[in-house]
Amino acid sequence: MTESRPTVVFANFLSDLAVDLNEGQILTQWAQQAPRKAWLLRPGDMFVTPVPLSREFLRYVYELTGVPPESVAVIEVPPAGSVPLARAVREAGLVEHVRALAGDRGAALLPTALDASAISFARDIGVAVHPYPTVEAAEAALRMTMLLNTKTGFRKTAEHLGMRLPPGRVCPRPQTDDVARELLREYERIVVKPDRSAGGHGMRFVSRDDVRGGAVLPLDTVGGPEGMWVVEECLNVAESVSIQLEVTTSATHALFSGAMRTAHGSFTGYASPLPLSCAHVADELKEWGTALGRHLADHGYAGPFGLDALVDVDGVVYASESNIRRTATTTPHTMVTRLTAGSAEPHPAWSVAKGWTRSPMDFDGALARLRASRLAFDSDRGEGVILYADAPPDGRSWRYAVIARSADDVEEQEATLAEVFEFEDG
C-alpha cells in the first residue's frame, strides 16, 4: 500500500477461502476481529467492516497512528448472517455509497481474503484489487489461492517443492474412518483435518486407545464437510511455528517468523521472533517459504501468505499448511512496524494473545487500567501493551498485543498485564 493510493480496507472474514461457508458460527466469531483492520488506515482510506467499532477505539487508533479522523471513512455493514461481506453490503444497499467514496482516485480494494466474492465487489465499485494492477490479474490468481488454502492442495504442492511433511494420506470424507484405523496400526496418535479449515477449526485427534476393542471412532459421531480430508500422524510437537512472507513483482520477501500459541490444535496467539528453542529451523522455514512464494508467483499470485510448520521434540521441522491470505498475524505485524518506525529498536519482539477478565470492562475502562499501570504503549519508548481489536462483545475476552525490546520483556509485560486485568488464567 502507498499513501498516495487510497485503499478500501475490506474485512471479509466471512469467506469460503479459509473454511466452508456452512461453518457459519466460527466465521461469525472470526469476524469479531475485524476492528483490528483499523490499524491499516491512512488518510483517504475507507474501511468496510462487518462489525461496529466503538468511537473510543477509533479515537485510540487515530491518536497512535496520527491519522486525522475526518480523513477516513468507516462503513459499518449491518449483520446479514453467514454470507460473504460483499453480499451483506449489497443487501444493505451500501454499494453506491462505497463506490462514491472510492471515487475516481485510483483506489484499490484490500481484502482480508482474496476470493471470488471480493473480486466481484471490486468490479462493482470500479477499483483494482491490491496489489494487482487490474481486477483481471487478481482473478487469474484465484485458482491457486483457493487450492493452496486447502490441506490436500498444500500437501501435493509441498511434496513437489521438497518440504518435509508428517506421514499421512488424503481421502474422501466417507473413507476417513478406514484410513484412520489403518494409520493407527502404525502410529500412536493421528490427526484428521477437513480440507478447508483455518486456526485448527474442525481438526480431530484420535489415539489407539480410542479404537481398542472395536470402539467407534470419534469421527463417526462428529459431522464435518464432505469432500477431501487429510489423515496424518500426530507428531510429538514441541512448538508450532510459522513464517510470513510476501510475493511482489520482483521476489518473495520473508517478513517475520514466530511461534504460534495453540490449545487443542487451535490458534490462540503468536509471539515473534522464534524462541531460542527452535531458532535453528529459521533457515529451513525461509527456504520452504521462498520456494512456495516462487510457485505462487508463477501462477499469478501477489501479496502476503503464511507457511505453518511443526517442530517435534527432536527439533525436526515439518510443514503443515499454507495460508494464502492475510492471516491473524499480518495486520498486527503491520501495526507493530508502523508504531515502532524510527524507534531505537528496529526489530522489536512482539506478541498477540487473548485473556479473560473476571468482570466486564468497556474500552475506556480497560485503557485507563493500562495507563494507570504504565503498561500502555508509549510511542516515545516504542513498547507497551496495545488493545488492538476494540472492546469484545462480552467485555471480558480481551485481545491485546505487546511490543518490547526482547522476548523476555514481552513475557514480563504479559505477566504484569494478567495481574492488572485480573485475567482468569493469570
Protein backbone atom coordinates (compact mmCIF):
# COMPACT_ATOMS: atom_id res chain seq x y z
CA MET A 1 0.00 0.00 0.00
CA THR A 2 1.11 3.55 -0.65
CA GLU A 3 -0.20 6.66 0.98
CA SER A 4 -0.91 8.25 -2.44
CA ARG A 5 -3.31 5.47 -3.45
CA PRO A 6 -6.48 5.28 -1.34
CA THR A 7 -7.37 1.84 -0.07
CA VAL A 8 -10.74 0.24 0.58
CA VAL A 9 -9.91 -1.99 3.56
CA PHE A 10 -12.38 -4.84 3.12
CA ALA A 11 -12.68 -7.04 6.22
CA ASN A 12 -14.25 -10.08 4.53
CA PHE A 13 -13.64 -12.59 7.31
CA LEU A 14 -16.79 -14.41 6.13
CA SER A 15 -15.14 -16.09 3.16
CA ASP A 16 -15.09 -19.56 1.64
CA LEU A 17 -11.32 -19.24 1.25
CA ALA A 18 -10.48 -20.45 4.77
CA VAL A 19 -13.43 -22.68 5.67
CA ASP A 20 -16.72 -23.83 4.20
CA LEU A 21 -19.37 -21.10 4.48
CA ASN A 22 -21.63 -23.65 6.16
CA GLU A 23 -19.35 -23.27 9.17
CA GLY A 24 -21.21 -20.05 9.95
CA GLN A 25 -20.65 -19.90 13.69
CA ILE A 26 -16.85 -19.91 13.56
CA LEU A 27 -16.86 -17.37 10.72
CA THR A 28 -19.05 -15.05 12.76
CA GLN A 29 -16.62 -15.40 15.68
CA TRP A 30 -13.65 -14.58 13.45
CA ALA A 31 -15.46 -11.52 12.10
CA GLN A 32 -15.39 -10.03 15.61
CA GLN A 33 -11.67 -9.40 14.96
CA ALA A 34 -12.46 -7.02 12.08
CA PRO A 35 -11.76 -3.86 14.17
CA ARG A 36 -8.03 -4.65 14.09
CA LYS A 37 -8.03 -3.65 10.40
CA ALA A 38 -8.33 -0.02 11.59
CA TRP A 39 -4.55 -0.11 12.16
CA LEU A 40 -4.10 -0.23 8.38
CA LEU A 41 -5.95 3.03 7.72
CA ARG A 42 -4.18 6.04 6.27
CA PRO A 43 -5.60 9.41 5.17
CA GLY A 44 -8.03 8.96 2.27
CA ASP A 45 -8.81 5.30 3.05
CA MET A 46 -12.17 3.61 3.55
CA PHE A 47 -12.92 0.74 5.94
CA VAL A 48 -15.78 -1.68 5.20
CA THR A 49 -16.39 -3.68 8.37
CA PRO A 50 -18.94 -6.42 9.25
CA VAL A 51 -18.98 -5.38 12.93
CA PRO A 52 -19.31 -1.94 14.54
CA LEU A 53 -16.29 -0.13 16.01
CA SER A 54 -16.54 1.93 19.15
CA ARG A 55 -15.75 5.63 18.93
CA GLU A 56 -13.34 5.15 21.83
CA PHE A 57 -11.37 2.50 19.95
CA LEU A 58 -11.21 4.54 16.75
CA ARG A 59 -10.02 7.60 18.68
CA TYR A 60 -7.31 5.43 20.27
CA VAL A 61 -6.16 4.11 16.87
CA TYR A 62 -6.11 7.56 15.30
CA GLU A 63 -4.11 9.00 18.20
CA LEU A 64 -1.41 6.32 17.94
CA THR A 65 -1.22 6.32 14.13
CA GLY A 66 -1.57 10.08 13.69
CA VAL A 67 -4.42 9.72 11.19
CA PRO A 68 -6.89 12.65 11.17
CA PRO A 69 -10.34 11.12 11.90
CA GLU A 70 -12.01 13.22 9.24
CA SER A 71 -9.64 11.86 6.57
CA VAL A 72 -11.01 8.30 6.62
CA ALA A 73 -14.45 6.75 6.17
CA VAL A 74 -15.72 3.78 8.20
CA ILE A 75 -18.66 1.89 6.70
CA GLU A 76 -20.31 -0.49 9.17
CA VAL A 77 -22.31 -3.19 7.40
CA PRO A 78 -25.44 -4.48 9.20
CA PRO A 79 -25.47 -8.21 10.05
CA ALA A 80 -26.73 -10.44 7.24
CA GLY A 81 -25.99 -13.92 8.59
CA SER A 82 -23.26 -16.25 7.34
CA VAL A 83 -22.86 -14.67 3.93
CA PRO A 84 -19.81 -13.07 2.26
CA LEU A 85 -19.27 -9.42 3.18
CA ALA A 86 -19.86 -8.29 -0.41
CA ARG A 87 -23.33 -9.81 -0.32
CA ALA A 88 -24.04 -8.14 3.03
CA VAL A 89 -23.01 -4.78 1.53
CA ARG A 90 -25.39 -5.33 -1.38
CA GLU A 91 -28.27 -6.40 0.88
CA ALA A 92 -27.74 -3.28 2.98
CA GLY A 93 -27.87 -1.07 -0.11
CA LEU A 94 -24.37 0.31 0.52
CA VAL A 95 -22.66 -0.45 -2.80
CA GLU A 96 -23.32 3.01 -4.26
CA HIS A 97 -22.11 4.64 -1.05
CA VAL A 98 -18.81 2.74 -1.18
CA ARG A 99 -18.44 3.44 -4.90
CA ALA A 100 -18.98 7.15 -4.34
CA LEU A 101 -16.37 7.22 -1.57
CA ALA A 102 -13.85 5.31 -3.67
CA GLY A 103 -14.45 7.80 -6.47
CA ASP A 104 -12.02 8.03 -9.36
CA ARG A 105 -8.83 8.36 -7.32
CA GLY A 106 -7.34 5.04 -8.37
CA ALA A 107 -8.36 3.31 -5.14
CA ALA A 108 -7.68 -0.39 -4.57
CA LEU A 109 -9.60 -2.97 -2.59
CA LEU A 110 -7.58 -4.63 0.20
CA PRO A 111 -9.49 -7.79 1.14
CA THR A 112 -8.65 -9.97 4.11
CA ALA A 113 -9.22 -12.95 1.80
CA LEU A 114 -8.85 -12.92 -1.98
CA ASP A 115 -11.97 -14.79 -3.02
CA ALA A 116 -14.47 -14.65 -5.88
CA SER A 117 -16.88 -12.50 -3.88
CA ALA A 118 -14.21 -9.84 -3.16
CA ILE A 119 -13.18 -9.75 -6.82
CA SER A 120 -16.80 -9.31 -7.87
CA PHE A 121 -17.20 -6.49 -5.34
CA ALA A 122 -14.09 -4.72 -6.68
CA ARG A 123 -15.73 -4.78 -10.12
CA ASP A 124 -18.96 -3.43 -8.64
CA ILE A 125 -17.28 -0.37 -7.18
CA GLY A 126 -14.83 0.12 -10.05
CA VAL A 127 -11.49 -0.41 -8.29
CA ALA A 128 -8.48 -2.71 -8.62
CA VAL A 129 -7.56 -5.34 -6.02
CA HIS A 130 -4.37 -4.62 -4.06
CA PRO A 131 -1.60 -5.35 -5.03
CA TYR A 132 -2.71 -6.39 -8.53
CA PRO A 133 -2.71 -3.89 -11.41
CA THR A 134 -6.20 -4.96 -12.53
CA VAL A 135 -9.18 -6.95 -11.31
CA GLU A 136 -8.45 -9.47 -14.06
CA ALA A 137 -4.94 -10.06 -12.70
CA ALA A 138 -6.38 -10.76 -9.25
CA GLU A 139 -8.95 -13.12 -10.75
CA ALA A 140 -6.19 -15.04 -12.54
CA ALA A 141 -4.58 -15.79 -9.16
CA LEU A 142 -7.79 -17.06 -7.61
CA ARG A 143 -7.49 -20.72 -8.65
CA MET A 144 -4.08 -21.13 -6.99
CA THR A 145 -5.21 -19.11 -3.95
CA MET A 146 -8.19 -21.39 -3.39
CA LEU A 147 -6.12 -24.55 -3.99
CA LEU A 148 -3.32 -23.74 -1.55
CA ASN A 149 -5.74 -22.82 1.20
CA THR A 150 -6.76 -26.48 1.24
CA LYS A 151 -4.90 -29.18 3.16
CA THR A 152 -4.84 -31.51 0.16
CA GLY A 153 -3.66 -28.84 -2.26
CA PHE A 154 -0.91 -27.84 0.13
CA ARG A 155 0.31 -31.43 0.70
CA LYS A 156 0.61 -32.08 -3.03
CA THR A 157 2.42 -28.79 -3.68
CA ALA A 158 4.67 -29.15 -0.62
CA GLU A 159 5.75 -32.63 -1.70
CA HIS A 160 6.54 -31.27 -5.17
CA LEU A 161 8.62 -28.47 -3.64
CA GLY A 162 10.56 -30.86 -1.39
CA MET A 163 9.16 -29.89 2.01
CA ARG A 164 9.20 -32.39 4.89
CA LEU A 165 5.64 -33.41 5.81
CA PRO A 166 4.09 -35.54 8.56
CA PRO A 167 3.33 -39.03 7.19
CA GLY A 168 -0.27 -39.15 6.07
CA ARG A 169 -2.95 -39.83 3.49
CA VAL A 170 -5.56 -37.85 1.58
CA CYS A 171 -9.04 -39.35 1.23
CA PRO A 172 -12.73 -38.50 0.72
CA ARG A 173 -14.80 -37.96 3.90
CA PRO A 174 -16.50 -41.43 3.79
CA GLN A 175 -13.09 -43.14 3.83
CA THR A 176 -11.64 -41.28 6.84
CA ASP A 177 -12.69 -44.00 9.27
CA ASP A 178 -10.89 -46.77 7.38
CA VAL A 179 -7.81 -44.64 6.68
CA ALA A 180 -7.64 -43.53 10.32
CA ARG A 181 -7.78 -47.12 11.60
CA GLU A 182 -5.11 -48.13 9.10
CA LEU A 183 -2.72 -45.37 10.16
CA LEU A 184 -3.36 -46.09 13.85
CA ARG A 185 -1.78 -49.51 13.32
CA GLU A 186 1.45 -47.65 12.56
CA TYR A 187 1.20 -44.51 14.73
CA GLU A 188 0.09 -43.98 18.33
CA ARG A 189 -1.92 -40.87 17.51
CA ILE A 190 -3.29 -39.30 14.35
CA VAL A 191 -4.94 -36.02 13.41
CA VAL A 192 -7.81 -35.77 10.95
CA LYS A 193 -8.30 -32.46 9.13
CA PRO A 194 -11.07 -31.20 6.85
CA ASP A 195 -9.68 -29.97 3.55
CA ARG A 196 -10.62 -26.33 4.05
CA SER A 197 -10.15 -25.14 7.61
CA ALA A 198 -8.16 -22.50 9.49
CA GLY A 199 -6.96 -21.83 13.02
CA GLY A 200 -7.31 -25.51 13.92
CA HIS A 201 -11.08 -25.45 13.36
CA GLY A 202 -12.57 -28.85 12.62
CA MET A 203 -9.47 -30.93 13.43
CA ARG A 204 -9.94 -34.23 15.30
CA PHE A 205 -7.25 -36.01 17.32
CA VAL A 206 -7.50 -39.79 17.67
CA SER A 207 -5.32 -42.28 19.56
CA ARG A 208 -5.05 -46.06 19.53
CA ASP A 209 -6.88 -46.12 22.85
CA ASP A 210 -9.91 -44.63 21.12
CA VAL A 211 -10.35 -47.72 18.94
CA ARG A 212 -9.37 -50.55 21.30
CA GLY A 213 -11.93 -53.33 21.43
CA GLY A 214 -13.59 -52.17 18.21
CA ALA A 215 -14.80 -48.90 19.70
CA VAL A 216 -16.49 -46.38 17.44
CA LEU A 217 -14.11 -43.67 16.29
CA PRO A 218 -14.89 -40.10 17.41
CA LEU A 219 -15.05 -39.34 13.69
CA ASP A 220 -18.17 -41.45 13.38
CA THR A 221 -20.18 -39.33 15.78
CA VAL A 222 -18.99 -35.88 14.69
CA GLY A 223 -20.09 -34.34 11.42
CA GLY A 224 -17.94 -32.41 9.01
CA PRO A 225 -17.90 -31.11 5.48
CA GLU A 226 -17.96 -33.55 2.59
CA GLY A 227 -15.09 -33.59 0.13
CA MET A 228 -11.46 -34.41 0.80
CA TRP A 229 -9.83 -34.81 4.22
CA VAL A 230 -6.24 -35.35 5.39
CA VAL A 231 -5.33 -38.06 7.91
CA GLU A 232 -1.77 -37.90 9.21
CA GLU A 233 0.46 -38.85 12.11
CA CYS A 234 0.05 -36.61 15.15
CA LEU A 235 3.64 -35.63 15.87
CA ASN A 236 5.08 -35.17 19.33
CA VAL A 237 5.17 -31.40 18.93
CA ALA A 238 7.46 -29.07 20.87
CA GLU A 239 6.48 -25.87 19.01
CA SER A 240 4.02 -24.76 16.34
CA VAL A 241 5.77 -22.16 14.20
CA SER A 242 5.16 -20.07 11.12
CA ILE A 243 6.86 -17.77 8.68
CA GLN A 244 5.01 -14.95 6.95
CA LEU A 245 6.17 -13.81 3.53
CA GLU A 246 5.10 -11.53 0.70
CA VAL A 247 5.17 -12.09 -3.05
CA THR A 248 5.97 -8.95 -5.06
CA THR A 249 6.57 -8.40 -8.76
CA SER A 250 10.31 -8.85 -8.20
CA ALA A 251 10.73 -11.51 -5.50
CA THR A 252 9.43 -13.26 -2.40
CA HIS A 253 10.37 -11.49 0.83
CA ALA A 254 10.35 -13.03 4.31
CA LEU A 255 8.58 -10.61 6.68
CA PHE A 256 8.73 -12.30 10.09
CA SER A 257 8.53 -15.64 11.85
CA GLY A 258 7.46 -16.80 15.27
CA ALA A 259 5.74 -19.40 17.42
CA MET A 260 2.00 -19.94 17.49
CA ARG A 261 0.22 -20.41 20.76
CA THR A 262 -2.31 -23.20 20.46
CA ALA A 263 -4.82 -25.10 22.57
CA HIS A 264 -6.02 -28.50 21.26
CA GLY A 265 -4.69 -27.57 17.83
CA SER A 266 -6.50 -24.21 17.68
CA PHE A 267 -4.71 -20.88 17.29
CA THR A 268 -4.81 -18.72 20.44
CA GLY A 269 -1.91 -16.31 19.95
CA TYR A 270 1.52 -15.67 18.50
CA ALA A 271 4.97 -14.48 19.56
CA SER A 272 7.77 -13.20 17.31
CA PRO A 273 10.64 -13.83 16.80
CA LEU A 274 11.10 -17.60 17.01
CA PRO A 275 12.02 -18.75 20.53
CA LEU A 276 15.62 -19.86 21.05
CA SER A 277 14.46 -23.47 21.44
CA CYS A 278 13.55 -23.64 17.75
CA ALA A 279 15.53 -20.78 16.20
CA HIS A 280 17.54 -23.42 14.31
CA VAL A 281 14.58 -24.05 11.97
CA ALA A 282 14.53 -20.45 10.67
CA ASP A 283 16.64 -21.12 7.58
CA GLU A 284 14.61 -24.17 6.55
CA LEU A 285 11.35 -22.27 7.04
CA LYS A 286 12.64 -19.44 4.89
CA GLU A 287 13.84 -21.86 2.20
CA TRP A 288 10.42 -23.57 2.06
CA GLY A 289 8.54 -20.28 2.17
CA THR A 290 10.62 -18.78 -0.62
CA ALA A 291 10.06 -21.84 -2.81
CA LEU A 292 6.33 -21.62 -2.16
CA GLY A 293 6.42 -17.91 -2.99
CA ARG A 294 8.09 -18.61 -6.33
CA HIS A 295 5.42 -21.21 -7.07
CA LEU A 296 2.67 -18.72 -6.22
CA ALA A 297 4.27 -16.00 -8.36
CA ASP A 298 4.47 -18.43 -11.29
CA HIS A 299 0.69 -18.81 -11.01
CA GLY A 300 -0.06 -15.09 -10.79
CA TYR A 301 -0.36 -14.59 -7.02
CA ALA A 302 0.89 -11.42 -5.33
CA GLY A 303 0.64 -10.35 -1.71
CA PRO A 304 1.13 -11.84 1.76
CA PHE A 305 0.98 -15.51 2.73
CA GLY A 306 1.97 -17.74 5.62
CA LEU A 307 3.58 -21.16 5.95
CA ASP A 308 2.85 -23.09 9.16
CA ALA A 309 5.06 -25.84 10.50
CA LEU A 310 5.54 -28.15 13.49
CA VAL A 311 8.81 -28.70 15.35
CA ASP A 312 8.92 -32.07 17.07
CA VAL A 313 10.69 -32.89 20.33
CA ASP A 314 13.79 -33.93 18.37
CA GLY A 315 14.00 -30.47 16.80
CA VAL A 316 12.91 -31.59 13.32
CA VAL A 317 10.56 -29.25 11.46
CA TYR A 318 7.61 -30.45 9.34
CA ALA A 319 5.49 -28.24 7.05
CA SER A 320 1.81 -28.43 7.98
CA GLU A 321 -0.21 -25.94 5.90
CA SER A 322 -0.16 -22.70 3.92
CA ASN A 323 -2.43 -19.69 4.34
CA ILE A 324 -2.54 -17.74 1.10
CA ARG A 325 -4.18 -14.64 2.51
CA ARG A 326 -3.80 -12.05 5.22
CA THR A 327 -3.54 -14.13 8.41
CA ALA A 328 -4.24 -13.39 12.09
CA THR A 329 -0.69 -12.03 12.38
CA THR A 330 -0.38 -9.97 9.18
CA THR A 331 -2.19 -6.88 10.43
CA PRO A 332 -0.67 -6.97 13.95
CA HIS A 333 2.81 -7.11 12.38
CA THR A 334 1.95 -4.14 10.15
CA MET A 335 0.72 -2.32 13.25
CA VAL A 336 3.94 -3.11 15.16
CA THR A 337 6.10 -1.99 12.23
CA ARG A 338 4.12 1.22 11.87
CA LEU A 339 4.08 2.17 15.54
CA THR A 340 7.78 1.48 16.07
CA ALA A 341 9.08 3.15 12.90
CA GLY A 342 12.00 5.34 13.86
CA SER A 343 12.36 3.83 17.35
CA ALA A 344 15.69 2.70 18.79
CA GLU A 345 14.81 -0.98 18.29
CA PRO A 346 14.28 -1.66 14.56
CA HIS A 347 13.13 -5.27 15.10
CA PRO A 348 11.22 -5.43 18.39
CA ALA A 349 9.83 -8.60 19.90
CA TRP A 350 6.04 -8.75 19.99
CA SER A 351 3.09 -10.96 20.74
CA VAL A 352 -0.66 -11.13 20.29
CA ALA A 353 -2.89 -13.04 22.68
CA LYS A 354 -6.24 -13.12 24.42
CA GLY A 355 -7.14 -13.03 28.11
CA TRP A 356 -10.42 -13.27 30.01
CA THR A 357 -11.12 -10.75 32.77
CA ARG A 358 -13.20 -11.78 35.78
CA SER A 359 -15.64 -8.92 35.21
CA PRO A 360 -16.63 -6.93 32.10
CA MET A 361 -14.96 -3.63 31.16
CA ASP A 362 -15.63 -1.09 28.45
CA PHE A 363 -12.82 0.20 26.23
CA ASP A 364 -12.11 3.36 28.19
CA GLY A 365 -12.04 1.38 31.44
CA ALA A 366 -9.54 -1.11 30.04
CA LEU A 367 -7.35 1.66 28.62
CA ALA A 368 -7.44 3.50 31.94
CA ARG A 369 -6.09 0.39 33.67
CA LEU A 370 -3.26 0.14 31.15
CA ARG A 371 -2.30 3.76 31.60
CA ALA A 372 -2.52 3.70 35.39
CA SER A 373 -0.17 0.70 35.48
CA ARG A 374 2.20 2.33 32.94
CA LEU A 375 1.71 -0.68 30.64
CA ALA A 376 0.07 1.28 27.81
CA PHE A 377 2.07 1.50 24.61
CA ASP A 378 4.39 4.51 24.64
CA SER A 379 5.31 5.91 21.23
CA ASP A 380 8.49 7.50 22.57
CA ARG A 381 9.76 4.23 24.03
CA GLY A 382 8.32 2.11 21.21
CA GLU A 383 6.98 -0.52 23.60
CA GLY A 384 3.98 -1.42 25.72
CA VAL A 385 0.57 -3.08 25.53
CA ILE A 386 -1.97 -2.29 22.80
CA LEU A 387 -5.68 -3.12 22.82
CA TYR A 388 -5.61 -3.87 19.12
CA ALA A 389 -9.11 -5.22 18.46
CA ASP A 390 -11.59 -2.96 20.36
CA ALA A 391 -13.68 -3.99 23.35
CA PRO A 392 -15.05 -7.53 22.98
CA PRO A 393 -18.84 -8.01 22.87
CA ASP A 394 -18.75 -9.78 26.25
CA GLY A 395 -16.47 -7.15 27.83
CA ARG A 396 -14.22 -9.93 29.11
CA SER A 397 -12.33 -11.70 26.27
CA TRP A 398 -9.71 -9.04 25.52
CA ARG A 399 -7.30 -9.33 22.60
CA TYR A 400 -4.05 -7.50 23.11
CA ALA A 401 -0.60 -7.02 21.61
CA VAL A 402 2.68 -6.49 23.46
CA ILE A 403 5.72 -4.80 21.92
CA ALA A 404 9.08 -4.84 23.74
CA ARG A 405 12.83 -4.98 23.23
CA SER A 406 13.12 -8.73 23.76
CA ALA A 407 11.06 -11.89 24.13
CA ASP A 408 11.78 -11.87 27.88
CA ASP A 409 10.45 -8.33 28.13
CA VAL A 410 7.31 -9.36 26.24
CA GLU A 411 6.70 -12.20 28.70
CA GLU A 412 7.27 -9.89 31.64
CA GLN A 413 4.75 -7.36 30.36
CA GLU A 414 2.21 -10.10 29.64
CA ALA A 415 2.57 -11.40 33.20
CA THR A 416 2.03 -7.90 34.60
CA LEU A 417 -0.96 -7.37 32.31
CA ALA A 418 -2.53 -10.61 33.59
CA GLU A 419 -2.32 -9.20 37.14
CA VAL A 420 -3.57 -5.72 36.22
CA PHE A 421 -6.52 -7.03 34.20
CA GLU A 422 -7.10 -9.90 36.64
CA PHE A 423 -7.21 -12.49 33.88
CA GLU A 424 -8.80 -15.75 34.96
CA ASP A 425 -5.73 -17.71 33.82
CA GLY A 426 -3.29 -15.04 35.06
